[in-house]
C-alpha atoms as a PDB file:
ATOM      1  CA  MET A   1      60.356 -21.954   7.928  1.00  0.00           C
ATOM      2  CA  ARG A   2      59.453 -23.967  11.014  1.00  0.00           C
ATOM      3  CA  GLN A   3      61.895 -26.803  11.614  1.00  0.00           C
ATOM      4  CA  ARG A   4      60.434 -30.297  11.642  1.00  0.00           C
ATOM      5  CA  LYS A   5      60.659 -32.019  15.022  1.00  0.00           C
ATOM      6  CA  THR A   6      62.776 -35.169  15.104  1.00  0.00           C
ATOM      7  CA  LEU A   7      62.742 -38.370  17.095  1.00  0.00           C
ATOM      8  CA  LYS A   8      65.652 -36.946  19.086  1.00  0.00           C
ATOM      9  CA  ASP A   9      63.478 -33.988  20.099  1.00  0.00           C
ATOM     10  CA  VAL A  10      60.724 -36.313  21.289  1.00  0.00           C
ATOM     11  CA  ALA A  11      63.196 -38.383  23.306  1.00  0.00           C
ATOM     12  CA  LYS A  12      64.616 -35.254  24.962  1.00  0.00           C
ATOM     13  CA  GLU A  13      61.149 -33.929  25.803  1.00  0.00           C
ATOM     14  CA  ALA A  14      60.114 -37.291  27.299  1.00  0.00           C
ATOM     15  CA  GLY A  15      63.400 -37.760  29.175  1.00  0.00           C
ATOM     16  CA  VAL A  16      64.189 -41.103  27.536  1.00  0.00           C
ATOM     17  CA  SER A  17      66.774 -42.393  25.091  1.00  0.00           C
ATOM     18  CA  VAL A  18      66.260 -42.101  21.332  1.00  0.00           C
ATOM     19  CA  SER A  19      66.112 -45.890  21.039  1.00  0.00           C
ATOM     20  CA  MET A  20      63.389 -46.054  23.708  1.00  0.00           C
ATOM     21  CA  ALA A  21      61.365 -43.323  21.986  1.00  0.00           C
ATOM     22  CA  SER A  22      61.693 -45.233  18.705  1.00  0.00           C
ATOM     23  CA  ARG A  23      60.583 -48.435  20.415  1.00  0.00           C
ATOM     24  CA  VAL A  24      57.458 -46.813  21.857  1.00  0.00           C
ATOM     25  CA  LEU A  25      56.452 -45.025  18.647  1.00  0.00           C
ATOM     26  CA  GLY A  26      57.184 -48.129  16.591  1.00  0.00           C
ATOM     27  CA  ASN A  27      55.281 -50.290  19.099  1.00  0.00           C
ATOM     28  CA  TYR A  28      57.926 -53.001  19.354  1.00  0.00           C
ATOM     29  CA  GLY A  29      60.046 -54.447  22.136  1.00  0.00           C
ATOM     30  CA  TYR A  30      59.574 -53.846  25.872  1.00  0.00           C
ATOM     31  CA  PHE A  31      58.658 -50.573  27.582  1.00  0.00           C
ATOM     32  CA  SER A  32      56.638 -49.663  30.657  1.00  0.00           C
ATOM     33  CA  GLU A  33      53.226 -48.023  30.527  1.00  0.00           C
ATOM     34  CA  GLU A  34      54.721 -44.967  32.225  1.00  0.00           C
ATOM     35  CA  THR A  35      57.394 -44.647  29.525  1.00  0.00           C
ATOM     36  CA  ARG A  36      54.825 -45.139  26.796  1.00  0.00           C
ATOM     37  CA  SER A  37      52.673 -42.352  28.246  1.00  0.00           C
ATOM     38  CA  LYS A  38      55.637 -39.951  28.456  1.00  0.00           C
ATOM     39  CA  VAL A  39      56.731 -40.560  24.869  1.00  0.00           C
ATOM     40  CA  LEU A  40      53.231 -40.269  23.403  1.00  0.00           C
ATOM     41  CA  LYS A  41      52.571 -37.043  25.302  1.00  0.00           C
ATOM     42  CA  ALA A  42      55.899 -35.614  24.107  1.00  0.00           C
ATOM     43  CA  ALA A  43      55.157 -36.574  20.490  1.00  0.00           C
ATOM     44  CA  GLU A  44      51.731 -34.948  20.706  1.00  0.00           C
ATOM     45  CA  LYS A  45      53.099 -31.794  22.324  1.00  0.00           C
ATOM     46  CA  LEU A  46      55.774 -31.382  19.651  1.00  0.00           C
ATOM     47  CA  ASN A  47      53.365 -32.392  16.855  1.00  0.00           C
ATOM     48  CA  TYR A  48      55.913 -35.002  15.834  1.00  0.00           C
ATOM     49  CA  LYS A  49      55.365 -36.632  12.441  1.00  0.00           C
ATOM     50  CA  PRO A  50      57.614 -39.615  11.661  1.00  0.00           C
ATOM     51  CA  ASP A  51      59.597 -39.536   8.417  1.00  0.00           C
ATOM     52  CA  VAL A  52      58.093 -42.604   6.760  1.00  0.00           C
ATOM     53  CA  ILE A  53      60.613 -42.705   3.913  1.00  0.00           C
ATOM     54  CA  ALA A  54      63.606 -42.477   6.213  1.00  0.00           C
ATOM     55  CA  ARG A  55      62.113 -45.067   8.531  1.00  0.00           C
ATOM     56  CA  GLY A  56      61.538 -47.367   5.571  1.00  0.00           C
ATOM     57  CA  LEU A  57      65.176 -47.109   4.553  1.00  0.00           C
ATOM     58  CA  LYS A  58      66.311 -47.866   8.091  1.00  0.00           C
ATOM     59  CA  THR A  59      63.855 -50.621   9.031  1.00  0.00           C
ATOM     60  CA  ARG A  60      63.129 -51.895   5.512  1.00  0.00           C
ATOM     61  CA  GLN A  61      59.449 -51.197   6.181  1.00  0.00           C
ATOM     62  CA  THR A  62      57.301 -48.925   4.032  1.00  0.00           C
ATOM     63  CA  LYS A  63      54.028 -49.406   5.951  1.00  0.00           C
ATOM     64  CA  ALA A  64      52.428 -50.214   2.586  1.00  0.00           C
ATOM     65  CA  ILE A  65      50.523 -53.336   1.524  1.00  0.00           C
ATOM     66  CA  GLY A  66      50.117 -54.404  -2.094  1.00  0.00           C
ATOM     67  CA  VAL A  67      46.715 -55.802  -3.117  1.00  0.00           C
ATOM     68  CA  ILE A  68      46.158 -57.501  -6.482  1.00  0.00           C
ATOM     69  CA  ILE A  69      42.641 -58.530  -7.501  1.00  0.00           C
ATOM     70  CA  SER A  70      41.144 -59.584 -10.806  1.00  0.00           C
ATOM     71  CA  ASP A  71      38.225 -57.159 -11.266  1.00  0.00           C
ATOM     72  CA  VAL A  72      37.896 -54.039  -9.134  1.00  0.00           C
ATOM     73  CA  VAL A  73      34.470 -53.091 -10.532  1.00  0.00           C
ATOM     74  CA  THR A  74      32.695 -56.136  -9.075  1.00  0.00           C
ATOM     75  CA  PHE A  75      30.844 -55.785  -5.798  1.00  0.00           C
ATOM     76  CA  PHE A  76      32.700 -58.801  -4.359  1.00  0.00           C
ATOM     77  CA  PHE A  77      36.183 -57.388  -4.864  1.00  0.00           C
ATOM     78  CA  THR A  78      35.192 -53.787  -4.098  1.00  0.00           C
ATOM     79  CA  THR A  79      33.890 -54.757  -0.656  1.00  0.00           C
ATOM     80  CA  LEU A  80      36.811 -57.147  -0.105  1.00  0.00           C
ATOM     81  CA  VAL A  81      39.295 -54.340  -0.734  1.00  0.00           C
ATOM     82  CA  ARG A  82      37.314 -52.052   1.576  1.00  0.00           C
ATOM     83  CA  GLY A  83      37.772 -54.645   4.319  1.00  0.00           C
ATOM     84  CA  VAL A  84      41.520 -54.776   3.663  1.00  0.00           C
ATOM     85  CA  GLU A  85      41.794 -50.992   3.639  1.00  0.00           C
ATOM     86  CA  ASP A  86      39.859 -50.505   6.876  1.00  0.00           C
ATOM     87  CA  VAL A  87      42.103 -52.887   8.829  1.00  0.00           C
ATOM     88  CA  ALA A  88      45.264 -51.550   7.181  1.00  0.00           C
ATOM     89  CA  SER A  89      44.350 -47.944   7.983  1.00  0.00           C
ATOM     90  CA  GLN A  90      43.577 -48.787  11.602  1.00  0.00           C
ATOM     91  CA  ASN A  91      47.084 -50.218  11.891  1.00  0.00           C
ATOM     92  CA  GLY A  92      48.966 -47.408  10.168  1.00  0.00           C
ATOM     93  CA  TYR A  93      49.353 -49.041   6.745  1.00  0.00           C
ATOM     94  CA  SER A  94      48.447 -47.730   3.319  1.00  0.00           C
ATOM     95  CA  VAL A  95      47.129 -49.910   0.480  1.00  0.00           C
ATOM     96  CA  ILE A  96      48.369 -49.988  -3.116  1.00  0.00           C
ATOM     97  CA  LEU A  97      45.621 -51.532  -5.264  1.00  0.00           C
ATOM     98  CA  CYS A  98      46.263 -53.263  -8.602  1.00  0.00           C
ATOM     99  CA  ASN A  99      43.718 -54.767 -11.008  1.00  0.00           C
ATOM    100  CA  SER A 100      45.000 -57.782 -12.981  1.00  0.00           C
ATOM    101  CA  ASP A 101      41.990 -58.338 -15.293  1.00  0.00           C
ATOM    102  CA  GLU A 102      42.837 -62.087 -15.075  1.00  0.00           C
ATOM    103  CA  ASP A 103      45.857 -61.280 -17.263  1.00  0.00           C
ATOM    104  CA  PRO A 104      48.959 -63.200 -16.048  1.00  0.00           C
ATOM    105  CA  THR A 105      51.335 -60.782 -17.807  1.00  0.00           C
ATOM    106  CA  LYS A 106      49.719 -57.760 -16.205  1.00  0.00           C
ATOM    107  CA  GLU A 107      49.672 -59.500 -12.834  1.00  0.00           C
ATOM    108  CA  ARG A 108      53.374 -60.377 -13.142  1.00  0.00           C
ATOM    109  CA  GLU A 109      54.225 -56.743 -13.899  1.00  0.00           C
ATOM    110  CA  TYR A 110      52.309 -55.603 -10.833  1.00  0.00           C
ATOM    111  CA  LEU A 111      54.005 -58.204  -8.639  1.00  0.00           C
ATOM    112  CA  LEU A 112      57.411 -57.008  -9.814  1.00  0.00           C
ATOM    113  CA  ALA A 113      56.485 -53.330  -9.366  1.00  0.00           C
ATOM    114  CA  LEU A 114      55.180 -53.894  -5.846  1.00  0.00           C
ATOM    115  CA  TYR A 115      58.286 -55.906  -4.950  1.00  0.00           C
ATOM    116  CA  GLU A 116      60.562 -53.148  -6.245  1.00  0.00           C
ATOM    117  CA  ARG A 117      58.484 -50.544  -4.414  1.00  0.00           C
ATOM    118  CA  GLY A 118      59.312 -52.465  -1.238  1.00  0.00           C
ATOM    119  CA  VAL A 119      55.801 -53.162   0.040  1.00  0.00           C
ATOM    120  CA  ASP A 120      55.803 -54.944   3.379  1.00  0.00           C
ATOM    121  CA  GLY A 121      53.455 -57.687   2.172  1.00  0.00           C
ATOM    122  CA  LEU A 122      50.961 -58.787  -0.462  1.00  0.00           C
ATOM    123  CA  ILE A 123      47.300 -59.796  -0.558  1.00  0.00           C
ATOM    124  CA  VAL A 124      46.550 -61.480  -3.878  1.00  0.00           C
ATOM    125  CA  SER A 125      43.645 -63.132  -5.668  1.00  0.00           C
ATOM    126  CA  PRO A 126      45.878 -65.028  -8.099  1.00  0.00           C
ATOM    127  CA  SER A 127      45.340 -65.548 -11.808  1.00  0.00           C
ATOM    128  CA  ILE A 128      46.278 -68.917 -13.285  1.00  0.00           C
ATOM    129  CA  GLY A 129      49.626 -67.902 -14.783  1.00  0.00           C
ATOM    130  CA  ASN A 130      51.921 -66.856 -11.921  1.00  0.00           C
ATOM    131  CA  HIS A 131      51.692 -69.577  -9.293  1.00  0.00           C
ATOM    132  CA  SER A 132      55.381 -70.487  -9.580  1.00  0.00           C
ATOM    133  CA  TYR A 133      56.408 -66.815  -9.386  1.00  0.00           C
ATOM    134  CA  LEU A 134      54.331 -66.294  -6.239  1.00  0.00           C
ATOM    135  CA  LYS A 135      55.952 -69.358  -4.695  1.00  0.00           C
ATOM    136  CA  LYS A 136      59.342 -67.860  -5.550  1.00  0.00           C
ATOM    137  CA  LEU A 137      58.409 -64.587  -3.839  1.00  0.00           C
ATOM    138  CA  VAL A 138      57.344 -66.469  -0.715  1.00  0.00           C
ATOM    139  CA  ARG A 139      60.589 -68.459  -0.664  1.00  0.00           C
ATOM    140  CA  GLY A 140      62.405 -65.132  -0.883  1.00  0.00           C
ATOM    141  CA  GLY A 141      60.676 -63.908   2.264  1.00  0.00           C
ATOM    142  CA  MET A 142      57.777 -61.872   0.894  1.00  0.00           C
ATOM    143  CA  PRO A 143      54.774 -62.115   3.293  1.00  0.00           C
ATOM    144  CA  LEU A 144      51.754 -63.215   1.253  1.00  0.00           C
ATOM    145  CA  VAL A 145      48.078 -63.888   1.918  1.00  0.00           C
ATOM    146  CA  LEU A 146      45.781 -65.332  -0.742  1.00  0.00           C
ATOM    147  CA  VAL A 147      42.104 -64.368  -1.019  1.00  0.00           C
ATOM    148  CA  ASP A 148      39.217 -65.986  -2.900  1.00  0.00           C
ATOM    149  CA  ARG A 149      41.513 -68.564  -4.549  1.00  0.00           C
ATOM    150  CA  ARG A 150      44.019 -71.148  -3.413  1.00  0.00           C
ATOM    151  CA  ILE A 151      47.340 -72.214  -4.914  1.00  0.00           C
ATOM    152  CA  ARG A 152      48.000 -75.880  -4.370  1.00  0.00           C
ATOM    153  CA  GLY A 153      51.252 -76.577  -2.575  1.00  0.00           C
ATOM    154  CA  LEU A 154      51.710 -72.995  -1.356  1.00  0.00           C
ATOM    155  CA  LYS A 155      51.494 -72.845   2.431  1.00  0.00           C
ATOM    156  CA  VAL A 156      50.459 -69.270   3.139  1.00  0.00           C
ATOM    157  CA  PRO A 157      47.360 -67.882   4.877  1.00  0.00           C
ATOM    158  CA  THR A 158      44.396 -68.269   2.530  1.00  0.00           C
ATOM    159  CA  VAL A 159      40.925 -66.785   3.038  1.00  0.00           C
ATOM    160  CA  THR A 160      38.146 -68.217   0.881  1.00  0.00           C
ATOM    161  CA  VAL A 161      34.490 -69.225   1.050  1.00  0.00           C
ATOM    162  CA  ASP A 162      33.027 -72.711   0.846  1.00  0.00           C
ATOM    163  CA  ASN A 163      32.324 -72.451  -2.875  1.00  0.00           C
ATOM    164  CA  GLN A 164      31.226 -76.048  -3.303  1.00  0.00           C
ATOM    165  CA  THR A 165      28.613 -75.845  -0.540  1.00  0.00           C
ATOM    166  CA  GLY A 166      27.316 -72.501  -1.815  1.00  0.00           C
ATOM    167  CA  SER A 167      26.915 -73.909  -5.304  1.00  0.00           C
ATOM    168  CA  TYR A 168      25.372 -77.144  -4.024  1.00  0.00           C
ATOM    169  CA  GLU A 169      22.744 -75.283  -1.987  1.00  0.00           C
ATOM    170  CA  ALA A 170      21.802 -73.080  -4.945  1.00  0.00           C
ATOM    171  CA  VAL A 171      21.383 -75.959  -7.398  1.00  0.00           C
ATOM    172  CA  ASN A 172      19.668 -78.139  -4.801  1.00  0.00           C
ATOM    173  CA  TYR A 173      17.179 -75.309  -4.229  1.00  0.00           C
ATOM    174  CA  LEU A 174      16.358 -75.273  -7.952  1.00  0.00           C
ATOM    175  CA  ILE A 175      15.929 -79.042  -7.954  1.00  0.00           C
ATOM    176  CA  ASN A 176      13.575 -78.849  -4.969  1.00  0.00           C
ATOM    177  CA  LEU A 177      11.490 -76.352  -6.955  1.00  0.00           C
ATOM    178  CA  GLY A 178      11.056 -79.050  -9.598  1.00  0.00           C
ATOM    179  CA  HIS A 179      13.733 -78.188 -12.162  1.00  0.00           C
ATOM    180  CA  ARG A 180      15.437 -81.137 -13.818  1.00  0.00           C
ATOM    181  CA  ARG A 181      17.402 -79.428 -16.580  1.00  0.00           C
ATOM    182  CA  ILE A 182      19.641 -76.830 -14.973  1.00  0.00           C
ATOM    183  CA  GLY A 183      22.263 -74.996 -16.972  1.00  0.00           C
ATOM    184  CA  ILE A 184      25.452 -73.668 -15.410  1.00  0.00           C
ATOM    185  CA  ILE A 185      27.800 -70.938 -16.617  1.00  0.00           C
ATOM    186  CA  THR A 186      31.185 -71.637 -15.054  1.00  0.00           C
ATOM    187  CA  GLY A 187      34.168 -69.373 -14.488  1.00  0.00           C
ATOM    188  CA  LEU A 188      37.753 -69.515 -15.632  1.00  0.00           C
ATOM    189  CA  LYS A 189      39.181 -72.989 -16.171  1.00  0.00           C
ATOM    190  CA  GLY A 190      42.029 -73.777 -13.757  1.00  0.00           C
ATOM    191  CA  VAL A 191      40.868 -71.294 -11.098  1.00  0.00           C
ATOM    192  CA  THR A 192      39.921 -73.032  -7.852  1.00  0.00           C
ATOM    193  CA  THR A 193      36.698 -71.041  -7.337  1.00  0.00           C
ATOM    194  CA  SER A 194      35.445 -72.149 -10.739  1.00  0.00           C
ATOM    195  CA  GLU A 195      36.346 -75.787 -10.111  1.00  0.00           C
ATOM    196  CA  GLU A 196      34.690 -75.797  -6.685  1.00  0.00           C
ATOM    197  CA  ARG A 197      31.449 -74.211  -7.891  1.00  0.00           C
ATOM    198  CA  LEU A 198      31.192 -76.694 -10.734  1.00  0.00           C
ATOM    199  CA  ALA A 199      31.821 -79.501  -8.236  1.00  0.00           C
ATOM    200  CA  GLY A 200      28.911 -78.234  -6.121  1.00  0.00           C
ATOM    201  CA  TYR A 201      26.642 -78.262  -9.181  1.00  0.00           C
ATOM    202  CA  LYS A 202      27.600 -81.852  -9.978  1.00  0.00           C
ATOM    203  CA  ARG A 203      27.195 -82.910  -6.358  1.00  0.00           C
ATOM    204  CA  ALA A 204      23.623 -81.529  -6.237  1.00  0.00           C
ATOM    205  CA  LEU A 205      22.688 -83.448  -9.377  1.00  0.00           C
ATOM    206  CA  GLU A 206      24.222 -86.656  -8.037  1.00  0.00           C
ATOM    207  CA  LYS A 207      22.538 -86.355  -4.628  1.00  0.00           C
ATOM    208  CA  ASN A 208      19.174 -85.989  -6.380  1.00  0.00           C
ATOM    209  CA  HIS A 209      19.841 -88.872  -8.801  1.00  0.00           C
ATOM    210  CA  LEU A 210      19.881 -86.624 -11.864  1.00  0.00           C
ATOM    211  CA  SER A 211      22.143 -87.423 -14.794  1.00  0.00           C
ATOM    212  CA  LEU A 212      24.831 -84.928 -15.820  1.00  0.00           C
ATOM    213  CA  ASP A 213      24.324 -83.433 -19.280  1.00  0.00           C
ATOM    214  CA  PRO A 214      27.639 -81.901 -20.479  1.00  0.00           C
ATOM    215  CA  GLU A 215      25.687 -79.735 -22.946  1.00  0.00           C
ATOM    216  CA  LEU A 216      24.244 -77.814 -19.998  1.00  0.00           C
ATOM    217  CA  ILE A 217      27.715 -76.786 -18.800  1.00  0.00           C
ATOM    218  CA  LYS A 218      29.015 -73.627 -20.478  1.00  0.00           C
ATOM    219  CA  GLU A 219      32.206 -71.667 -19.807  1.00  0.00           C
ATOM    220  CA  GLY A 220      31.882 -67.948 -19.148  1.00  0.00           C
ATOM    221  CA  ASP A 221      35.474 -67.203 -18.055  1.00  0.00           C
ATOM    222  CA  TYR A 222      34.088 -64.833 -15.380  1.00  0.00           C
ATOM    223  CA  ARG A 223      33.321 -62.355 -18.219  1.00  0.00           C
ATOM    224  CA  ARG A 224      30.004 -60.691 -18.992  1.00  0.00           C
ATOM    225  CA  GLU A 225      30.401 -60.945 -22.767  1.00  0.00           C
ATOM    226  CA  LYS A 226      31.340 -64.633 -22.639  1.00  0.00           C
ATOM    227  CA  ALA A 227      28.346 -65.330 -20.387  1.00  0.00           C
ATOM    228  CA  GLN A 228      26.051 -63.627 -22.898  1.00  0.00           C
ATOM    229  CA  GLU A 229      27.287 -66.016 -25.581  1.00  0.00           C
ATOM    230  CA  ALA A 230      26.943 -69.005 -23.249  1.00  0.00           C
ATOM    231  CA  THR A 231      23.360 -68.067 -22.345  1.00  0.00           C
ATOM    232  CA  GLN A 232      22.500 -67.711 -26.019  1.00  0.00           C
ATOM    233  CA  GLU A 233      23.878 -71.202 -26.682  1.00  0.00           C
ATOM    234  CA  LEU A 234      21.714 -72.645 -23.902  1.00  0.00           C
ATOM    235  CA  LEU A 235      18.589 -70.941 -25.252  1.00  0.00           C
ATOM    236  CA  ARG A 236      19.230 -72.373 -28.727  1.00  0.00           C
ATOM    237  CA  MET A 237      19.274 -75.953 -27.462  1.00  0.00           C
ATOM    238  CA  LYS A 238      16.560 -78.297 -28.720  1.00  0.00           C
ATOM    239  CA  ASN A 239      15.750 -79.043 -25.096  1.00  0.00           C
ATOM    240  CA  PRO A 240      16.886 -75.909 -23.246  1.00  0.00           C
ATOM    241  CA  PRO A 241      17.200 -75.707 -19.466  1.00  0.00           C
ATOM    242  CA  THR A 242      14.387 -74.372 -17.302  1.00  0.00           C
ATOM    243  CA  ALA A 243      16.833 -72.934 -14.767  1.00  0.00           C
ATOM    244  CA  LEU A 244      20.258 -71.328 -14.841  1.00  0.00           C
ATOM    245  CA  PHE A 245      23.022 -71.108 -12.236  1.00  0.00           C
ATOM    246  CA  VAL A 246      25.669 -68.470 -12.993  1.00  0.00           C
ATOM    247  CA  CYS A 247      28.987 -68.508 -11.135  1.00  0.00           C
ATOM    248  CA  ASN A 248      29.819 -64.811 -10.566  1.00  0.00           C
ATOM    249  CA  GLU A 249      28.429 -61.279 -10.771  1.00  0.00           C
ATOM    250  CA  PRO A 250      29.647 -60.084 -14.222  1.00  0.00           C
ATOM    251  CA  MET A 251      28.468 -63.337 -15.825  1.00  0.00           C
ATOM    252  CA  THR A 252      25.086 -63.042 -14.083  1.00  0.00           C
ATOM    253  CA  SER A 253      24.608 -59.556 -15.527  1.00  0.00           C
ATOM    254  CA  GLY A 254      25.488 -60.948 -18.963  1.00  0.00           C
ATOM    255  CA  ALA A 255      23.032 -63.820 -18.615  1.00  0.00           C
ATOM    256  CA  LEU A 256      20.239 -61.475 -17.505  1.00  0.00           C
ATOM    257  CA  LEU A 257      20.917 -59.194 -20.462  1.00  0.00           C
ATOM    258  CA  THR A 258      20.661 -62.082 -22.937  1.00  0.00           C
ATOM    259  CA  LEU A 259      17.445 -63.353 -21.326  1.00  0.00           C
ATOM    260  CA  ARG A 260      15.946 -59.882 -21.632  1.00  0.00           C
ATOM    261  CA  GLU A 261      17.037 -59.502 -25.258  1.00  0.00           C
ATOM    262  CA  ASN A 262      15.378 -62.841 -26.048  1.00  0.00           C
ATOM    263  CA  LYS A 263      12.235 -61.850 -24.132  1.00  0.00           C
ATOM    264  CA  VAL A 264      12.578 -64.850 -21.818  1.00  0.00           C
ATOM    265  CA  LYS A 265      10.279 -64.446 -18.828  1.00  0.00           C
ATOM    266  CA  ILE A 266      11.916 -64.849 -15.402  1.00  0.00           C
ATOM    267  CA  PRO A 267      11.032 -67.066 -13.574  1.00  0.00           C
ATOM    268  CA  GLU A 268       8.136 -68.423 -15.680  1.00  0.00           C
ATOM    269  CA  GLU A 269      10.365 -69.560 -18.558  1.00  0.00           C
ATOM    270  CA  MET A 270      13.782 -69.496 -16.867  1.00  0.00           C
ATOM    271  CA  ALA A 271      14.672 -69.475 -13.180  1.00  0.00           C
ATOM    272  CA  ILE A 272      18.079 -67.980 -12.380  1.00  0.00           C
ATOM    273  CA  ILE A 273      20.488 -67.853  -9.429  1.00  0.00           C
ATOM    274  CA  GLY A 274      23.769 -65.949  -9.355  1.00  0.00           C
ATOM    275  CA  PHE A 275      26.850 -66.633  -7.271  1.00  0.00           C
ATOM    276  CA  ASP A 276      27.589 -63.252  -5.607  1.00  0.00           C
ATOM    277  CA  ASP A 277      24.949 -60.941  -4.192  1.00  0.00           C
ATOM    278  CA  PRO A 278      25.786 -57.481  -5.570  1.00  0.00           C
ATOM    279  CA  ILE A 279      24.045 -54.349  -4.358  1.00  0.00           C
ATOM    280  CA  TRP A 280      21.862 -54.349  -7.494  1.00  0.00           C
ATOM    281  CA  ALA A 281      20.495 -57.897  -6.994  1.00  0.00           C
ATOM    282  CA  PRO A 282      17.310 -56.827  -5.139  1.00  0.00           C
ATOM    283  CA  LEU A 283      16.684 -54.147  -7.788  1.00  0.00           C
ATOM    284  CA  THR A 284      16.282 -56.452 -10.799  1.00  0.00           C
ATOM    285  CA  GLU A 285      12.831 -57.411 -12.021  1.00  0.00           C
ATOM    286  CA  PRO A 286      12.162 -59.854 -10.480  1.00  0.00           C
ATOM    287  CA  PRO A 287      14.728 -59.535  -7.634  1.00  0.00           C
ATOM    288  CA  LEU A 288      17.641 -61.933  -8.054  1.00  0.00           C
ATOM    289  CA  THR A 289      18.172 -65.015  -5.890  1.00  0.00           C
ATOM    290  CA  ALA A 290      21.885 -65.162  -5.130  1.00  0.00           C
ATOM    291  CA  VAL A 291      24.651 -66.833  -3.157  1.00  0.00           C
ATOM    292  CA  ARG A 292      26.051 -64.152  -0.856  1.00  0.00           C
ATOM    293  CA  GLN A 293      29.746 -64.190   0.032  1.00  0.00           C
ATOM    294  CA  PRO A 294      31.041 -62.412   3.177  1.00  0.00           C
ATOM    295  CA  SER A 295      33.424 -60.365   1.027  1.00  0.00           C
ATOM    296  CA  TYR A 296      34.081 -57.599   3.555  1.00  0.00           C
ATOM    297  CA  SER A 297      35.017 -60.212   6.173  1.00  0.00           C
ATOM    298  CA  ILE A 298      37.331 -61.919   3.679  1.00  0.00           C
ATOM    299  CA  GLY A 299      39.178 -58.609   3.318  1.00  0.00           C
ATOM    300  CA  THR A 300      39.412 -57.858   7.037  1.00  0.00           C
ATOM    301  CA  ILE A 301      40.554 -61.370   7.938  1.00  0.00           C
ATOM    302  CA  ALA A 302      43.122 -61.404   5.122  1.00  0.00           C
ATOM    303  CA  CYS A 303      44.633 -58.102   6.256  1.00  0.00           C
ATOM    304  CA  GLN A 304      44.707 -59.249   9.880  1.00  0.00           C
ATOM    305  CA  ALA A 305      46.502 -62.441   8.796  1.00  0.00           C
ATOM    306  CA  LEU A 306      49.057 -60.422   6.831  1.00  0.00           C
ATOM    307  CA  LEU A 307      49.708 -58.071   9.740  1.00  0.00           C
ATOM    308  CA  GLN A 308      50.153 -61.109  11.953  1.00  0.00           C
ATOM    309  CA  LYS A 309      52.838 -62.378   9.602  1.00  0.00           C
ATOM    310  CA  LEU A 310      54.520 -58.980   9.501  1.00  0.00           C
ATOM    311  CA  ARG A 311      54.668 -58.869  13.273  1.00  0.00           C
ATOM    312  CA  LYS A 312      55.863 -62.494  13.370  1.00  0.00           C
ATOM    313  CA  ASN A 313      53.233 -63.132  15.985  1.00  0.00           C
ATOM    314  CA  ASN A 314      52.472 -66.818  15.618  1.00  0.00           C
ATOM    315  CA  ARG A 315      50.623 -67.290  18.862  1.00  0.00           C
ATOM    316  CA  GLY A 316      47.393 -69.254  18.570  1.00  0.00           C
ATOM    317  CA  ARG A 317      47.350 -69.821  14.793  1.00  0.00           C
ATOM    318  CA  PRO A 318      49.734 -71.339  12.272  1.00  0.00           C
ATOM    319  CA  LEU A 319      50.712 -68.741   9.693  1.00  0.00           C
ATOM    320  CA  HIS A 320      49.725 -70.970   6.769  1.00  0.00           C
ATOM    321  CA  GLU A 321      46.185 -71.530   8.009  1.00  0.00           C
ATOM    322  CA  GLU A 322      43.377 -71.774   5.467  1.00  0.00           C
ATOM    323  CA  ILE A 323      40.258 -69.932   6.607  1.00  0.00           C
ATOM    324  CA  VAL A 324      37.029 -70.954   4.862  1.00  0.00           C
ATOM    325  CA  LEU A 325      33.948 -68.788   5.432  1.00  0.00           C
ATOM    326  CA  LYS A 326      30.348 -69.810   4.801  1.00  0.00           C
ATOM    327  CA  PRO A 327      28.284 -68.309   1.964  1.00  0.00           C
ATOM    328  CA  LYS A 328      24.514 -67.877   2.277  1.00  0.00           C
ATOM    329  CA  LEU A 329      21.719 -68.450  -0.230  1.00  0.00           C
ATOM    330  CA  ILE A 330      19.539 -65.326  -0.402  1.00  0.00           C
ATOM    331  CA  VAL A 331      16.155 -66.335  -1.813  1.00  0.00           C
ATOM    332  CA  ARG A 332      14.268 -63.717  -3.807  1.00  0.00           C
ATOM    333  CA  GLN A 333      11.785 -63.988  -6.685  1.00  0.00           C
ATOM    334  CA  SER A 334      13.946 -64.963  -9.684  1.00  0.00           C
ATOM    335  CA  CYS A 335      13.276 -68.676  -9.142  1.00  0.00           C
ATOM    336  CA  GLY A 336       9.526 -68.450  -8.625  1.00  0.00           C
ATOM    337  CA  GLU A 337       7.597 -71.098  -6.771  1.00  0.00           C
ATOM    338  CA  LYS A 338       7.509 -74.876  -7.012  1.00  0.00           C
ATOM    339  CA  LEU A 339       6.745 -76.061 -10.528  1.00  0.00           C
ATOM    340  CA  LYS A 340       3.333 -77.545 -11.174  1.00  0.00           C
ATOM    341  CA  GLU A 341       2.965 -81.297 -11.566  1.00  0.00           C
ATOM    342  CA  GLN A 342       2.335 -80.911 -15.282  1.00  0.00           C
ATOM    343  CA  ALA A 343       5.607 -79.029 -15.767  1.00  0.00           C
ATOM    344  CA  LEU A 344       7.473 -81.672 -13.793  1.00  0.00           C
ATOM    345  CA  LYS A 345       6.276 -84.418 -16.143  1.00  0.00           C
ATOM    346  CA  LEU A 346       7.522 -82.496 -19.153  1.00  0.00           C
ATOM    347  CA  ASN A 347      11.048 -82.618 -17.711  1.00  0.00           C
END
C-alpha cells in the first residue's frame, strides 16, 4: 500500500521548515512569494492531501460551516444556500445544511449538534424561539452570521433585504391600479421579515390616505396550508378584497390554489402579488407579479462575512455590520391593468 505523503515530506521537498510549509498551505502568517511557490510545487509533485481531521484537532478548525434555514424547499432559501455553498467551496470549506421547519426545538437540536461537531461558524435564519441561545453561543465565541432575519440586540453580521420597501412598492402598485380593498397574508408573528412586510403594507395605505381594515389582515405563518385557510376567509367576507398581497412563496402557492378552487378569475376578480419570485412565477396563468429578493447574493455575502470573521480580518468593515439589499418588483399579468372608473366607484 502506497504511503500517504505528510507535511514533513512536503517541507523536505521544498527545502523549508515544517512550520513554514504549514504556514503556506494554511495561508496564514508571513512568507515570501518564492517560498510559497516552492511549497505549492512540492505539494503538487508529491500529491499531498492534508489530513483534515488531524488538522482540525490541532488547530481547532474543521473547515466546515453550519447553515440553518427554515424551509429548504423554497426557491428563496435554495438559492441562498447555493450562494453560501459556492463561496464556501471556493475557500476550502464544506457546508452542513439543516432545515428547522420554523420549529424552535428542532433548531435548538441542530445548533447543539453543529456546536458539538465543531463547525468553524454558523449562518442562521433564526426561528423565534432560540434568540437567547444564539446570543449565548456568540458570547462563547461562536462566529455567527444571520440571514433574512434580525435578532434585536445581537451585534453580528446580518444580511437581509429591505422588506418594508419591497412590501410598500407592491401594495402601492396595486393602489395605483385602482384597488382600495387589499388583503394581506402575513408571515409568522414575531419574525422580523413578517413585521417589516406588514409595516410596508400599512405604510402604503397611509401614504394613499386609505383606512386600515384589520379584517383584511390574515396570518399565514409562512405555511401553504395556513394561507389557503386565510384566502378562504377573505373570499367569504361580505365585502371581499379586490387584490391580495401574500408575504412569501409557500403562502402564495396556497393562495393561488384556493383562488383556483373557488374559480376566482385572476386578475379580473382578484389581483395578486407575491413576496418572492420563484422560478415558477412566470409559468402561472396569468404570470405572477412578485417582489424579487436577491437570494443568491444574500448567501454569498453572508458566507463572505463569516469567512471574514473566521480570519479575524476586520479591515474596512465592522464585523457586526448589517447589510440590507434592495428587492425589486417584477410586474407580470396577475394584477391586470388599471381598473375602470366604474369599478373604482364601487370601492
